[in-house]
Amino acid sequence: MNVTPELQAYVEAEILPRYDAFDKAHRRPHVERVIRDALALADHYPVDRNMIYAAAAWHDTGLREGRATHHLASGRIIREDPMLPRWFSAEQVETVAQAAEDHRASLDHEPRSIYGRIIAEADRQIEPETIVRRTVQYGLGHYPELGREEHWQRTLDHLHEKYAAGGYLQLWIPESPNAAQLADLRGLIADETRLRALFESIFDQEC
């Protein structure tokens, strides 16, 4: 991982456990994957790995305050964390906070730094089955009153709005494998019979 051991110990003891309380799509396996992917992308750029690690670790902590503005809440949590000045200057803390704020796919502006672009790209995780599973998990966690058909329609609407051609998702890092995976996902979305079969399998597993 090649980050400061004390920072890593703090994150593993105090930050990662916060994800255990979130919906299935945003629990610890998610943040651990974002950390791993962000550090892999960081290898292509002259960036501070500790800052990348911190931004990835904190990026979804604001979910404790709700989904709609969780990215902004994550930035505030970073700025208010009393431990971060042990490892970062005030300017670095601000960059980390901005990277967390800028990770959300539906933002109307580009990430403000390479740190934000890396975290946003790492958060995409565009593996077709994983995307469908996370969409189903989120729906079951937040809308348990919906029936199967309503969850299917919600899944279909979300995939088209975000990932289909013309959707709001944008990619930022050319070294990422996300472009090829997005093409695969768009092929799945276009094949509604295959998509429905995958949805049914995942829905049964998650219920």
N, C-alpha and C. Protein backbone atom coordinates (compact mmCIF):
# COMPACT_ATOMS: atom_id res chain seq x y z
N MET A 1 0.83 -1.21 0.00
CA MET A 1 0.00 0.00 0.00
C MET A 1 0.87 1.25 0.00
N ASN A 2 1.96 1.21 0.71
CA ASN A 2 2.94 2.30 0.71
C ASN A 2 2.35 3.63 1.18
N VAL A 3 1.66 3.59 2.32
CA VAL A 3 1.19 4.80 2.98
C VAL A 3 1.72 4.80 4.40
N THR A 4 1.66 5.95 5.07
CA THR A 4 2.17 6.07 6.43
C THR A 4 1.47 5.07 7.36
N PRO A 5 2.21 4.22 8.06
CA PRO A 5 1.58 3.19 8.89
C PRO A 5 0.62 3.75 9.94
N GLU A 6 0.98 4.88 10.53
CA GLU A 6 0.11 5.46 11.56
C GLU A 6 -1.23 5.92 10.96
N LEU A 7 -1.17 6.50 9.77
CA LEU A 7 -2.40 6.91 9.10
C LEU A 7 -3.24 5.68 8.76
N GLN A 8 -2.62 4.66 8.24
CA GLN A 8 -3.35 3.44 7.91
C GLN A 8 -3.99 2.83 9.15
N ALA A 9 -3.27 2.80 10.26
CA ALA A 9 -3.81 2.24 11.49
C ALA A 9 -5.03 3.02 11.97
N TYR A 10 -4.96 4.35 11.86
CA TYR A 10 -6.08 5.19 12.26
C TYR A 10 -7.30 4.92 11.38
N VAL A 11 -7.08 4.86 10.08
CA VAL A 11 -8.18 4.61 9.14
C VAL A 11 -8.82 3.26 9.43
N GLU A 12 -8.01 2.24 9.62
CA GLU A 12 -8.55 0.90 9.82
C GLU A 12 -9.28 0.77 11.15
N ALA A 13 -8.86 1.53 12.15
CA ALA A 13 -9.49 1.44 13.47
C ALA A 13 -10.70 2.35 13.61
N GLU A 14 -10.65 3.53 12.99
CA GLU A 14 -11.67 4.55 13.26
C GLU A 14 -12.55 4.94 12.06
N ILE A 15 -12.05 4.77 10.84
CA ILE A 15 -12.81 5.24 9.68
C ILE A 15 -13.53 4.09 8.97
N LEU A 16 -12.83 3.04 8.63
CA LEU A 16 -13.48 1.95 7.90
C LEU A 16 -14.66 1.34 8.66
N PRO A 17 -14.60 1.21 10.00
CA PRO A 17 -15.78 0.65 10.69
C PRO A 17 -17.06 1.46 10.50
N ARG A 18 -16.95 2.73 10.16
CA ARG A 18 -18.16 3.54 9.94
C ARG A 18 -18.98 3.00 8.77
N TYR A 19 -18.31 2.39 7.81
CA TYR A 19 -19.00 1.89 6.62
C TYR A 19 -19.86 0.67 6.93
N ASP A 20 -19.62 0.02 8.05
CA ASP A 20 -20.39 -1.17 8.40
C ASP A 20 -21.86 -0.84 8.64
N ALA A 21 -22.17 0.41 8.93
CA ALA A 21 -23.55 0.81 9.21
C ALA A 21 -24.31 1.27 7.96
N PHE A 22 -23.63 1.34 6.82
CA PHE A 22 -24.27 1.86 5.62
C PHE A 22 -25.02 0.75 4.88
N ASP A 23 -25.73 1.11 3.80
CA ASP A 23 -26.43 0.11 3.00
C ASP A 23 -25.41 -0.82 2.35
N LYS A 24 -25.89 -1.96 1.88
CA LYS A 24 -24.99 -3.00 1.36
C LYS A 24 -24.10 -2.52 0.23
N ALA A 25 -24.58 -1.58 -0.55
CA ALA A 25 -23.80 -1.08 -1.68
C ALA A 25 -22.63 -0.20 -1.25
N HIS A 26 -22.62 0.23 0.01
CA HIS A 26 -21.60 1.18 0.45
C HIS A 26 -20.92 0.73 1.75
N ARG A 27 -20.88 -0.55 1.99
CA ARG A 27 -20.22 -1.05 3.19
C ARG A 27 -18.72 -1.23 2.95
N ARG A 28 -18.07 -1.87 3.89
CA ARG A 28 -16.61 -1.91 3.89
C ARG A 28 -16.00 -2.46 2.59
N PRO A 29 -16.56 -3.51 1.98
CA PRO A 29 -15.95 -3.97 0.72
C PRO A 29 -15.88 -2.87 -0.35
N HIS A 30 -16.88 -1.98 -0.35
CA HIS A 30 -16.88 -0.89 -1.32
C HIS A 30 -15.72 0.07 -1.08
N VAL A 31 -15.58 0.56 0.13
CA VAL A 31 -14.51 1.53 0.40
C VAL A 31 -13.14 0.88 0.25
N GLU A 32 -13.01 -0.37 0.63
CA GLU A 32 -11.72 -1.05 0.46
C GLU A 32 -11.36 -1.16 -1.03
N ARG A 33 -12.35 -1.38 -1.87
CA ARG A 33 -12.07 -1.44 -3.31
C ARG A 33 -11.73 -0.07 -3.85
N VAL A 34 -12.42 0.96 -3.40
CA VAL A 34 -12.10 2.32 -3.85
C VAL A 34 -10.66 2.67 -3.46
N ILE A 35 -10.27 2.34 -2.24
CA ILE A 35 -8.90 2.60 -1.79
C ILE A 35 -7.91 1.88 -2.70
N ARG A 36 -8.15 0.61 -2.94
CA ARG A 36 -7.23 -0.18 -3.77
C ARG A 36 -7.14 0.37 -5.19
N ASP A 37 -8.28 0.68 -5.78
CA ASP A 37 -8.28 1.17 -7.16
C ASP A 37 -7.67 2.57 -7.25
N ALA A 38 -7.95 3.42 -6.25
CA ALA A 38 -7.39 4.77 -6.26
C ALA A 38 -5.87 4.73 -6.15
N LEU A 39 -5.34 3.88 -5.31
CA LEU A 39 -3.89 3.78 -5.17
C LEU A 39 -3.26 3.21 -6.44
N ALA A 40 -3.96 2.32 -7.12
CA ALA A 40 -3.45 1.79 -8.40
C ALA A 40 -3.41 2.90 -9.45
N LEU A 41 -4.46 3.71 -9.52
CA LEU A 41 -4.47 4.82 -10.48
C LEU A 41 -3.42 5.86 -10.12
N ALA A 42 -3.15 6.03 -8.83
CA ALA A 42 -2.15 7.01 -8.39
C ALA A 42 -0.76 6.70 -8.91
N ASP A 43 -0.51 5.43 -9.24
CA ASP A 43 0.81 5.06 -9.76
C ASP A 43 1.13 5.79 -11.07
N HIS A 44 0.12 6.29 -11.76
CA HIS A 44 0.33 6.95 -13.06
C HIS A 44 0.58 8.45 -12.92
N TYR A 45 0.51 8.99 -11.70
CA TYR A 45 0.56 10.45 -11.52
C TYR A 45 1.48 10.82 -10.35
N PRO A 46 2.08 12.01 -10.41
CA PRO A 46 2.95 12.47 -9.31
C PRO A 46 2.12 13.04 -8.17
N VAL A 47 1.45 12.16 -7.43
CA VAL A 47 0.57 12.58 -6.35
C VAL A 47 1.06 12.01 -5.03
N ASP A 48 0.55 12.57 -3.94
CA ASP A 48 0.86 12.11 -2.59
C ASP A 48 -0.05 10.92 -2.26
N ARG A 49 0.53 9.75 -2.08
CA ARG A 49 -0.27 8.55 -1.86
C ARG A 49 -1.05 8.61 -0.55
N ASN A 50 -0.50 9.27 0.46
CA ASN A 50 -1.24 9.42 1.70
C ASN A 50 -2.53 10.21 1.48
N MET A 51 -2.46 11.25 0.65
CA MET A 51 -3.65 12.05 0.37
C MET A 51 -4.68 11.25 -0.43
N ILE A 52 -4.22 10.48 -1.39
CA ILE A 52 -5.13 9.62 -2.15
C ILE A 52 -5.78 8.61 -1.21
N TYR A 53 -5.00 8.02 -0.35
CA TYR A 53 -5.52 7.03 0.59
C TYR A 53 -6.57 7.65 1.50
N ALA A 54 -6.28 8.82 2.03
CA ALA A 54 -7.22 9.48 2.94
C ALA A 54 -8.51 9.86 2.22
N ALA A 55 -8.39 10.44 1.03
CA ALA A 55 -9.59 10.84 0.29
C ALA A 55 -10.46 9.64 -0.02
N ALA A 56 -9.84 8.52 -0.41
CA ALA A 56 -10.60 7.31 -0.69
C ALA A 56 -11.25 6.76 0.57
N ALA A 57 -10.52 6.76 1.66
CA ALA A 57 -11.04 6.20 2.91
C ALA A 57 -12.23 6.99 3.44
N TRP A 58 -12.19 8.30 3.32
CA TRP A 58 -13.24 9.16 3.87
C TRP A 58 -14.36 9.46 2.86
N HIS A 59 -14.24 9.05 1.60
CA HIS A 59 -15.07 9.64 0.54
C HIS A 59 -16.58 9.46 0.76
N ASP A 60 -17.00 8.39 1.41
CA ASP A 60 -18.43 8.16 1.63
C ASP A 60 -18.85 8.27 3.10
N THR A 61 -17.98 8.75 3.96
CA THR A 61 -18.33 8.82 5.38
C THR A 61 -19.54 9.71 5.62
N GLY A 62 -19.80 10.65 4.74
CA GLY A 62 -20.96 11.53 4.89
C GLY A 62 -22.29 10.83 4.70
N LEU A 63 -22.29 9.56 4.29
CA LEU A 63 -23.55 8.82 4.15
C LEU A 63 -24.31 8.73 5.47
N ARG A 64 -23.65 8.91 6.58
CA ARG A 64 -24.34 8.88 7.87
C ARG A 64 -25.37 10.00 7.97
N GLU A 65 -25.26 11.00 7.10
CA GLU A 65 -26.19 12.12 7.11
C GLU A 65 -27.17 12.07 5.94
N GLY A 66 -27.16 10.97 5.19
CA GLY A 66 -28.08 10.83 4.08
C GLY A 66 -27.37 10.86 2.74
N ARG A 67 -28.02 10.33 1.72
CA ARG A 67 -27.42 10.13 0.42
C ARG A 67 -27.28 11.44 -0.38
N ALA A 68 -28.29 12.30 -0.28
CA ALA A 68 -28.40 13.43 -1.21
C ALA A 68 -27.18 14.33 -1.19
N THR A 69 -26.67 14.65 -0.03
CA THR A 69 -25.51 15.55 0.08
C THR A 69 -24.35 14.89 0.80
N HIS A 70 -24.24 13.57 0.66
CA HIS A 70 -23.21 12.85 1.42
C HIS A 70 -21.80 13.28 1.02
N HIS A 71 -21.61 13.67 -0.23
CA HIS A 71 -20.28 14.07 -0.67
C HIS A 71 -19.84 15.35 0.03
N LEU A 72 -20.78 16.27 0.22
CA LEU A 72 -20.46 17.51 0.94
C LEU A 72 -20.23 17.23 2.42
N ALA A 73 -21.03 16.33 2.98
CA ALA A 73 -20.83 15.96 4.38
C ALA A 73 -19.48 15.28 4.58
N SER A 74 -19.07 14.47 3.61
CA SER A 74 -17.75 13.82 3.71
C SER A 74 -16.64 14.86 3.74
N GLY A 75 -16.77 15.89 2.90
CA GLY A 75 -15.77 16.96 2.92
C GLY A 75 -15.70 17.65 4.27
N ARG A 76 -16.85 17.91 4.85
CA ARG A 76 -16.87 18.56 6.15
C ARG A 76 -16.26 17.66 7.23
N ILE A 77 -16.56 16.37 7.17
CA ILE A 77 -16.00 15.43 8.15
C ILE A 77 -14.48 15.41 8.07
N ILE A 78 -13.96 15.46 6.85
CA ILE A 78 -12.50 15.50 6.67
C ILE A 78 -11.93 16.77 7.28
N ARG A 79 -12.53 17.90 6.98
CA ARG A 79 -12.01 19.17 7.50
C ARG A 79 -12.04 19.22 9.03
N GLU A 80 -13.01 18.54 9.62
CA GLU A 80 -13.19 18.60 11.06
C GLU A 80 -12.46 17.48 11.81
N ASP A 81 -11.85 16.55 11.09
CA ASP A 81 -11.18 15.44 11.78
C ASP A 81 -9.93 15.96 12.49
N PRO A 82 -9.85 15.81 13.81
CA PRO A 82 -8.73 16.39 14.56
C PRO A 82 -7.42 15.66 14.37
N MET A 83 -7.46 14.47 13.79
CA MET A 83 -6.24 13.68 13.62
C MET A 83 -5.49 13.99 12.34
N LEU A 84 -6.18 14.46 11.32
CA LEU A 84 -5.54 14.63 10.02
C LEU A 84 -4.38 15.62 10.03
N PRO A 85 -4.40 16.68 10.84
CA PRO A 85 -3.22 17.57 10.87
C PRO A 85 -1.93 16.88 11.32
N ARG A 86 -2.03 15.68 11.86
CA ARG A 86 -0.81 14.94 12.19
C ARG A 86 -0.03 14.57 10.93
N TRP A 87 -0.75 14.39 9.85
CA TRP A 87 -0.12 13.88 8.63
C TRP A 87 -0.16 14.87 7.47
N PHE A 88 -1.04 15.87 7.55
CA PHE A 88 -1.24 16.76 6.41
C PHE A 88 -1.24 18.22 6.84
N SER A 89 -0.78 19.07 5.94
CA SER A 89 -0.92 20.51 6.14
C SER A 89 -2.38 20.91 5.95
N ALA A 90 -2.72 22.13 6.33
CA ALA A 90 -4.09 22.62 6.15
C ALA A 90 -4.47 22.61 4.67
N GLU A 91 -3.52 22.98 3.81
CA GLU A 91 -3.79 22.98 2.38
C GLU A 91 -4.04 21.56 1.87
N GLN A 92 -3.29 20.59 2.36
CA GLN A 92 -3.49 19.20 1.94
C GLN A 92 -4.83 18.67 2.43
N VAL A 93 -5.20 19.01 3.66
CA VAL A 93 -6.50 18.58 4.18
C VAL A 93 -7.62 19.13 3.28
N GLU A 94 -7.49 20.37 2.87
CA GLU A 94 -8.50 20.97 2.00
C GLU A 94 -8.57 20.25 0.66
N THR A 95 -7.43 19.88 0.11
CA THR A 95 -7.42 19.14 -1.16
C THR A 95 -8.09 17.78 -1.00
N VAL A 96 -7.81 17.10 0.11
CA VAL A 96 -8.44 15.81 0.39
C VAL A 96 -9.95 15.98 0.51
N ALA A 97 -10.38 17.02 1.23
CA ALA A 97 -11.81 17.28 1.40
C ALA A 97 -12.48 17.56 0.07
N GLN A 98 -11.84 18.35 -0.77
CA GLN A 98 -12.40 18.64 -2.09
C GLN A 98 -12.49 17.39 -2.96
N ALA A 99 -11.50 16.51 -2.83
CA ALA A 99 -11.53 15.26 -3.60
C ALA A 99 -12.74 14.42 -3.20
N ALA A 100 -13.02 14.36 -1.90
CA ALA A 100 -14.20 13.62 -1.45
C ALA A 100 -15.48 14.29 -1.95
N GLU A 101 -15.52 15.60 -1.91
CA GLU A 101 -16.71 16.32 -2.37
C GLU A 101 -16.95 16.13 -3.87
N ASP A 102 -15.87 15.96 -4.62
CA ASP A 102 -15.97 15.90 -6.07
C ASP A 102 -16.13 14.50 -6.63
N HIS A 103 -16.27 13.49 -5.77
CA HIS A 103 -16.30 12.12 -6.29
C HIS A 103 -17.65 11.74 -6.87
N ARG A 104 -18.69 12.45 -6.55
CA ARG A 104 -20.04 12.04 -6.93
C ARG A 104 -20.25 12.16 -8.44
N ALA A 105 -20.84 11.11 -9.03
CA ALA A 105 -20.97 11.06 -10.48
C ALA A 105 -21.92 12.11 -11.03
N SER A 106 -22.88 12.56 -10.23
CA SER A 106 -23.89 13.49 -10.73
C SER A 106 -23.50 14.96 -10.57
N LEU A 107 -22.26 15.24 -10.19
CA LEU A 107 -21.84 16.64 -10.06
C LEU A 107 -21.92 17.36 -11.40
N ASP A 108 -22.15 18.67 -11.33
CA ASP A 108 -22.25 19.46 -12.56
C ASP A 108 -20.94 20.14 -12.92
N HIS A 109 -19.83 19.72 -12.29
CA HIS A 109 -18.53 20.29 -12.62
C HIS A 109 -17.46 19.21 -12.53
N GLU A 110 -16.35 19.46 -13.18
CA GLU A 110 -15.23 18.53 -13.11
C GLU A 110 -14.59 18.56 -11.72
N PRO A 111 -14.02 17.45 -11.28
CA PRO A 111 -13.25 17.49 -10.04
C PRO A 111 -12.18 18.58 -10.10
N ARG A 112 -11.94 19.21 -8.97
CA ARG A 112 -11.08 20.39 -8.94
C ARG A 112 -9.59 20.07 -8.96
N SER A 113 -9.21 18.82 -8.81
CA SER A 113 -7.78 18.47 -8.81
C SER A 113 -7.64 17.04 -9.31
N ILE A 114 -6.40 16.64 -9.54
CA ILE A 114 -6.12 15.27 -9.93
C ILE A 114 -6.55 14.31 -8.83
N TYR A 115 -6.52 14.76 -7.58
CA TYR A 115 -6.97 13.92 -6.47
C TYR A 115 -8.46 13.61 -6.61
N GLY A 116 -9.24 14.62 -6.92
CA GLY A 116 -10.66 14.41 -7.12
C GLY A 116 -10.96 13.52 -8.31
N ARG A 117 -10.20 13.69 -9.38
CA ARG A 117 -10.42 12.86 -10.57
C ARG A 117 -10.10 11.40 -10.27
N ILE A 118 -9.04 11.16 -9.52
CA ILE A 118 -8.67 9.78 -9.18
C ILE A 118 -9.73 9.14 -8.30
N ILE A 119 -10.20 9.86 -7.28
CA ILE A 119 -11.20 9.29 -6.38
C ILE A 119 -12.51 9.06 -7.12
N ALA A 120 -12.90 10.02 -7.96
CA ALA A 120 -14.13 9.85 -8.74
C ALA A 120 -14.04 8.63 -9.65
N GLU A 121 -12.90 8.46 -10.29
CA GLU A 121 -12.72 7.33 -11.20
C GLU A 121 -12.72 6.01 -10.43
N ALA A 122 -12.02 5.97 -9.30
CA ALA A 122 -11.96 4.74 -8.50
C ALA A 122 -13.34 4.36 -7.97
N ASP A 123 -14.16 5.36 -7.69
CA ASP A 123 -15.50 5.11 -7.15
C ASP A 123 -16.45 4.56 -8.20
N ARG A 124 -16.12 4.72 -9.48
CA ARG A 124 -17.04 4.28 -10.53
C ARG A 124 -17.26 2.77 -10.49
N GLN A 125 -16.21 1.98 -10.42
CA GLN A 125 -16.31 0.53 -10.29
C GLN A 125 -17.31 -0.06 -11.29
N ILE A 126 -17.03 0.16 -12.56
CA ILE A 126 -17.99 -0.20 -13.61
C ILE A 126 -17.80 -1.65 -14.06
N GLU A 127 -18.12 -2.57 -13.18
CA GLU A 127 -18.19 -3.98 -13.55
C GLU A 127 -19.67 -4.29 -13.64
N PRO A 128 -20.15 -4.74 -14.81
CA PRO A 128 -21.60 -4.80 -15.02
C PRO A 128 -22.39 -5.49 -13.92
N GLU A 129 -22.01 -6.69 -13.52
CA GLU A 129 -22.78 -7.39 -12.49
C GLU A 129 -22.74 -6.64 -11.16
N THR A 130 -21.58 -6.07 -10.83
CA THR A 130 -21.45 -5.31 -9.59
C THR A 130 -22.37 -4.09 -9.61
N ILE A 131 -22.44 -3.40 -10.74
CA ILE A 131 -23.30 -2.22 -10.85
C ILE A 131 -24.76 -2.62 -10.63
N VAL A 132 -25.20 -3.68 -11.27
CA VAL A 132 -26.58 -4.11 -11.10
C VAL A 132 -26.83 -4.54 -9.66
N ARG A 133 -25.89 -5.26 -9.08
CA ARG A 133 -26.06 -5.72 -7.69
C ARG A 133 -26.14 -4.53 -6.73
N ARG A 134 -25.26 -3.56 -6.90
CA ARG A 134 -25.28 -2.40 -6.01
C ARG A 134 -26.58 -1.61 -6.17
N THR A 135 -27.09 -1.55 -7.39
CA THR A 135 -28.36 -0.85 -7.62
C THR A 135 -29.50 -1.56 -6.91
N VAL A 136 -29.52 -2.88 -7.01
CA VAL A 136 -30.55 -3.66 -6.31
C VAL A 136 -30.40 -3.52 -4.80
N GLN A 137 -29.17 -3.62 -4.31
CA GLN A 137 -28.92 -3.51 -2.87
C GLN A 137 -29.38 -2.15 -2.34
N TYR A 138 -29.07 -1.11 -3.09
CA TYR A 138 -29.47 0.23 -2.66
C TYR A 138 -30.99 0.33 -2.62
N GLY A 139 -31.64 -0.20 -3.63
CA GLY A 139 -33.10 -0.14 -3.68
C GLY A 139 -33.73 -0.90 -2.53
N LEU A 140 -33.24 -2.10 -2.26
CA LEU A 140 -33.79 -2.89 -1.16
C LEU A 140 -33.54 -2.23 0.19
N GLY A 141 -32.39 -1.58 0.33
CA GLY A 141 -32.05 -0.94 1.59
C GLY A 141 -32.85 0.32 1.86
N HIS A 142 -33.16 1.06 0.79
CA HIS A 142 -33.80 2.36 0.97
C HIS A 142 -35.29 2.37 0.62
N TYR A 143 -35.74 1.39 -0.15
CA TYR A 143 -37.15 1.34 -0.53
C TYR A 143 -37.69 -0.08 -0.31
N PRO A 144 -37.67 -0.56 0.93
CA PRO A 144 -38.09 -1.95 1.21
C PRO A 144 -39.57 -2.19 0.93
N GLU A 145 -40.35 -1.12 0.83
CA GLU A 145 -41.78 -1.28 0.60
C GLU A 145 -42.11 -1.61 -0.85
N LEU A 146 -41.14 -1.45 -1.76
CA LEU A 146 -41.40 -1.71 -3.17
C LEU A 146 -41.46 -3.21 -3.46
N GLY A 147 -42.28 -3.58 -4.45
CA GLY A 147 -42.34 -4.96 -4.89
C GLY A 147 -41.28 -5.24 -5.94
N ARG A 148 -41.21 -6.49 -6.37
CA ARG A 148 -40.19 -6.91 -7.33
C ARG A 148 -40.25 -6.08 -8.61
N GLU A 149 -41.44 -5.92 -9.18
CA GLU A 149 -41.56 -5.19 -10.44
C GLU A 149 -41.15 -3.73 -10.27
N GLU A 150 -41.48 -3.16 -9.13
CA GLU A 150 -41.10 -1.77 -8.87
C GLU A 150 -39.59 -1.64 -8.72
N HIS A 151 -38.95 -2.63 -8.09
CA HIS A 151 -37.49 -2.62 -8.00
C HIS A 151 -36.85 -2.80 -9.38
N TRP A 152 -37.45 -3.63 -10.21
CA TRP A 152 -36.94 -3.79 -11.58
C TRP A 152 -37.01 -2.47 -12.32
N GLN A 153 -38.14 -1.78 -12.22
CA GLN A 153 -38.28 -0.52 -12.94
C GLN A 153 -37.31 0.52 -12.39
N ARG A 154 -37.13 0.54 -11.08
CA ARG A 154 -36.17 1.48 -10.48
C ARG A 154 -34.75 1.18 -10.96
N THR A 155 -34.39 -0.10 -11.01
CA THR A 155 -33.07 -0.50 -11.50
C THR A 155 -32.89 -0.08 -12.95
N LEU A 156 -33.89 -0.35 -13.78
CA LEU A 156 -33.81 0.00 -15.19
C LEU A 156 -33.67 1.51 -15.38
N ASP A 157 -34.48 2.28 -14.65
CA ASP A 157 -34.42 3.74 -14.77
C ASP A 157 -33.06 4.27 -14.36
N HIS A 158 -32.53 3.75 -13.25
CA HIS A 158 -31.23 4.22 -12.75
C HIS A 158 -30.12 3.91 -13.75
N LEU A 159 -30.11 2.69 -14.29
CA LEU A 159 -29.05 2.30 -15.22
C LEU A 159 -29.08 3.17 -16.47
N HIS A 160 -30.28 3.47 -16.97
CA HIS A 160 -30.37 4.31 -18.16
C HIS A 160 -29.96 5.75 -17.86
N GLU A 161 -30.40 6.26 -16.72
CA GLU A 161 -30.10 7.65 -16.38
C GLU A 161 -28.61 7.89 -16.17
N LYS A 162 -27.93 6.90 -15.58
CA LYS A 162 -26.53 7.10 -15.20
C LYS A 162 -25.55 6.51 -16.21
N TYR A 163 -25.78 5.31 -16.70
CA TYR A 163 -24.75 4.57 -17.43
C TYR A 163 -24.97 4.44 -18.93
N ALA A 164 -26.20 4.53 -19.39
CA ALA A 164 -26.45 4.36 -20.83
C ALA A 164 -25.85 5.53 -21.61
N ALA A 165 -25.77 5.38 -22.92
CA ALA A 165 -25.29 6.47 -23.76
C ALA A 165 -26.12 7.73 -23.49
N GLY A 166 -25.45 8.83 -23.22
CA GLY A 166 -26.15 10.06 -22.86
C GLY A 166 -26.40 10.21 -21.38
N GLY A 167 -26.04 9.19 -20.58
CA GLY A 167 -26.20 9.26 -19.14
C GLY A 167 -25.22 10.25 -18.52
N TYR A 168 -25.43 10.55 -17.24
CA TYR A 168 -24.63 11.60 -16.62
C TYR A 168 -23.24 11.16 -16.15
N LEU A 169 -22.97 9.86 -16.16
CA LEU A 169 -21.64 9.40 -15.71
C LEU A 169 -20.55 9.90 -16.66
N GLN A 170 -19.46 10.41 -16.08
CA GLN A 170 -18.29 10.80 -16.85
C GLN A 170 -17.05 10.11 -16.29
N LEU A 171 -16.12 9.81 -17.18
CA LEU A 171 -14.86 9.19 -16.78
C LEU A 171 -13.76 10.23 -16.89
N TRP A 172 -12.75 10.11 -16.00
CA TRP A 172 -11.74 11.18 -15.89
C TRP A 172 -10.31 10.71 -16.09
N ILE A 173 -10.03 9.42 -15.92
CA ILE A 173 -8.65 8.93 -15.93
C ILE A 173 -8.46 7.95 -17.08
N PRO A 174 -7.67 8.29 -18.09
CA PRO A 174 -7.54 7.40 -19.25
C PRO A 174 -6.87 6.07 -18.92
N GLU A 175 -6.09 6.01 -17.85
CA GLU A 175 -5.42 4.75 -17.48
C GLU A 175 -6.36 3.75 -16.81
N SER A 176 -7.57 4.18 -16.51
CA SER A 176 -8.54 3.31 -15.85
C SER A 176 -9.14 2.30 -16.82
N PRO A 177 -9.49 1.10 -16.34
CA PRO A 177 -10.18 0.13 -17.19
C PRO A 177 -11.67 0.42 -17.32
N ASN A 178 -12.13 1.52 -16.75
CA ASN A 178 -13.56 1.78 -16.72
C ASN A 178 -14.19 1.96 -18.10
N ALA A 179 -13.44 2.51 -19.06
CA ALA A 179 -14.03 2.75 -20.38
C ALA A 179 -14.48 1.45 -21.03
N ALA A 180 -13.65 0.44 -21.00
CA ALA A 180 -14.02 -0.85 -21.59
C ALA A 180 -15.17 -1.49 -20.82
N GLN A 181 -15.15 -1.35 -19.50
CA GLN A 181 -16.22 -1.93 -18.69
C GLN A 181 -17.53 -1.20 -18.91
N LEU A 182 -17.47 0.12 -19.14
CA LEU A 182 -18.68 0.87 -19.43
C LEU A 182 -19.30 0.42 -20.74
N ALA A 183 -18.46 0.14 -21.73
CA ALA A 183 -18.98 -0.37 -23.00
C ALA A 183 -19.70 -1.71 -22.79
N ASP A 184 -19.13 -2.58 -21.96
CA ASP A 184 -19.77 -3.86 -21.66
C ASP A 184 -21.11 -3.63 -20.95
N LEU A 185 -21.12 -2.70 -19.99
CA LEU A 185 -22.35 -2.42 -19.25
C LEU A 185 -23.43 -1.86 -20.18
N ARG A 186 -23.05 -0.99 -21.10
CA ARG A 186 -24.03 -0.44 -22.04
C ARG A 186 -24.60 -1.53 -22.94
N GLY A 187 -23.77 -2.51 -23.28
CA GLY A 187 -24.27 -3.64 -24.05
C GLY A 187 -25.30 -4.42 -23.27
N LEU A 188 -25.06 -4.60 -21.96
CA LEU A 188 -26.01 -5.29 -21.10
C LEU A 188 -27.31 -4.51 -20.98
N ILE A 189 -27.21 -3.20 -20.79
CA ILE A 189 -28.40 -2.36 -20.65
C ILE A 189 -29.25 -2.42 -21.92
N ALA A 190 -28.59 -2.47 -23.06
CA ALA A 190 -29.31 -2.52 -24.34
C ALA A 190 -30.01 -3.85 -24.57
N ASP A 191 -29.53 -4.90 -23.90
CA ASP A 191 -30.13 -6.24 -24.03
C ASP A 191 -31.02 -6.48 -22.81
N GLU A 192 -32.27 -6.01 -22.90
CA GLU A 192 -33.13 -6.02 -21.72
C GLU A 192 -33.46 -7.43 -21.25
N THR A 193 -33.49 -8.39 -22.15
CA THR A 193 -33.75 -9.78 -21.74
C THR A 193 -32.63 -10.30 -20.85
N ARG A 194 -31.39 -10.06 -21.27
CA ARG A 194 -30.24 -10.49 -20.47
C ARG A 194 -30.16 -9.71 -19.17
N LEU A 195 -30.46 -8.41 -19.22
CA LEU A 195 -30.44 -7.59 -18.02
C LEU A 195 -31.49 -8.07 -17.02
N ARG A 196 -32.67 -8.38 -17.51
CA ARG A 196 -33.74 -8.84 -16.61
C ARG A 196 -33.37 -10.16 -15.94
N ALA A 197 -32.74 -11.05 -16.69
CA ALA A 197 -32.33 -12.33 -16.12
C ALA A 197 -31.30 -12.11 -15.00
N LEU A 198 -30.36 -11.20 -15.22
CA LEU A 198 -29.36 -10.89 -14.19
C LEU A 198 -30.04 -10.25 -12.98
N PHE A 199 -30.95 -9.32 -13.22
CA PHE A 199 -31.69 -8.69 -12.12
C PHE A 199 -32.41 -9.74 -11.29
N GLU A 200 -33.10 -10.66 -11.93
CA GLU A 200 -33.86 -11.68 -11.20
C GLU A 200 -32.95 -12.52 -10.32
N SER A 201 -31.81 -12.91 -10.86
CA SER A 201 -30.87 -13.71 -10.08
C SER A 201 -30.35 -12.95 -8.87
N ILE A 202 -29.96 -11.71 -9.08
CA ILE A 202 -29.42 -10.90 -7.99
C ILE A 202 -30.51 -10.58 -6.96
N PHE A 203 -31.70 -10.25 -7.44
CA PHE A 203 -32.79 -9.91 -6.53
C PHE A 203 -33.09 -11.07 -5.60
N ASP A 204 -33.14 -12.29 -6.15
CA ASP A 204 -33.40 -13.47 -5.33
C ASP A 204 -32.29 -13.70 -4.30
N GLN A 205 -31.05 -13.42 -4.70
CA GLN A 205 -29.93 -13.60 -3.77
C GLN A 205 -29.96 -12.57 -2.64
N GLU A 206 -30.39 -11.37 -2.95
CA GLU A 206 -30.30 -10.27 -1.98
C GLU A 206 -31.53 -10.19 -1.05
N CYS A 207 -32.65 -10.78 -1.47
CA CYS A 207 -33.85 -10.72 -0.63
C CYS A 207 -33.76 -11.65 0.58
